[in-house]
Amino acid sequence: MVMIFAKLRGLLRPSPYLEEKLDSPSLRKEYNYWRIRIFSGIYVGYALFYFTRKSFAFSMPFLSEELGFNKWELGLVASVLSITYGVSKFLSGVLGDKSNPRYFMAFGLILTGIANFAMGSSSLLWVFLLAWGCNGWFQGWGWPGCAKQLTHWYSQSERGRWWSFMSTSQNLGGGLIPIVVATSATLLGWRWGFYVPGCLALCGGLLLMVQLRDTPQSLGLPAIEKFRNDYPPGKREKEKVELSAKEILWTYVITNRWMWVLAGLSFLVYVIRLAVNDWGMSYLIEVKGYPKIQAGTCVSFFELGGFLGCITGGWLSDLVFRGRRNPISVIFLIGVLAVLVAFRWIPFSSSIVASLFFALFGFFIFGPQNIIGLAAAELSHKKAAGTATGFTGCFSYLGAAAAGGPMGAIIKEWGWDAFLLTLGICSAAGALLMLPLWSLKTRKEESAVETAVKELIPVAQENAVESKTTEKV
């Protein structure tokens, strides 16, 4: 056992830097090959993480019918995952920044698959709570690896678009999971709603071990900034200097005031997102009378809209707002509020209209959700990206927890109108929170100004001395 633990610990350590290869056409070809290979790996891997995270949400109608669970009990299980995932996302962010994402991410995906098998093998509430809590903990091993890969293999001027495209992996997984779970549970029984995602996760974990590598330097390649000659404004970060866990956590996250603002926004956005995603199928079944498979298909358009929202938000923040991320949050949350009003007051029975509404919800919710993580990574240090996104992610899943049991209690006591009103309040509060920060620029941009001023001061002093000398002459 000790030998196994030591072996696993060795695999999780960051890979050492190799001697840098000389620049050549073959090096550039190799670099681009690894960029595509690693991106495709984390894209598929994170989509499968989402599969094993949302399998319960779309099994809830079946569990309610076949096992007799009420909304409070179902919401409680959903909240347990949100709490453990939120805490794990923060703590695993620190660990992920100090680990090799190739194995860290792969082990997490395999363990979430095992948790899904445990869910499908029991009918007891306490087992569900335990297994789903463990699933939440290992879910936290997914995104830190993605954040580390994105910040080391893609430079700042291109990262907004790559980050946004990477974020659509959860929309791919989220769009397929309601159809897969609803179909599997209807045809084979509710347990297969967990077994199928579990099998996919085990295969995906093995794929990640084959597909991924650590940093470019671990393959003898130059840092991405050097490769693309794309250094961020201000001082260049020293690639070969490893930050201590204390520096990562305290200097670049805890004492950074912007992280706390982003954390508050993340809480509100995730209340909205998880409430719409987890309770949307039940709303269509109970309020609109849709059959289960039809309701699951309508909700799957939430992820299609989210796919487009992620891409649009990243594109606008890069090319229209020139790296300012907060305007996206304000504009898109106002859009969420408008869709909520229309969803409540426009009568509809068509599944096409329902699908359109869920697509619009996804579009406006996933825009700011994606931008929060990107802003957090850019407002910290390159080697603290996992911790920064994990910190905001911790508050995200506190919000997700509020969308579980507490939201189930609201629906039970006051009905679905109270549910929609709560989401409207969260949307308005999020937009108002970010409105004063509309023009906030990243720390890197601010440091660039500071650096420029520092460089200009000696020049100004030298010119002043020369001027005085000339006057004397």
Foldseek 3Di string as FASTA:
>chain_A
DVVVVVVLVVQFAAFDFDAADDDDPVLVVVLVVLLVLALVLLLQLLLLLLLLLCLLLLLVVVLCVPLVDAQLLSLQLLLLLLQLLLVLLQVLLLSLLRTKLLQLSLVLLLLSLVLLLQCLVDSDSVSSSVSSNSNSNSSSSRVSSVLLSLLFSDDDLCSLQSLLLSVLSNLVSLLVLSLQQLVCCVPPNNSVSSNVSSVVSNVSSVVSNVRHGGGCSSVSHDTNCVVVVPAFFFDGDDPVDADDSCCLPPVFAPPQVVLVLLLLLLLLLLLLVLLCLSCQLVCCCPVLVDDSSLSSNLLSLLSVLLSQLSNVLSCCCCPPVNPQNLVLLLVLLVQLLVLLVCVPPPDDNDSVVSSVSSSSNSNSSNSNNSSSLVLQQQQGDSSSSSNSSSNSSSSNSNSSSCSGNVLSVCCVPPNDVSSSVSSSVSSVVSSVSSVVVRNPHHPSVVNNVVNVVVVVVVVVVVVVVVVVVVVVD
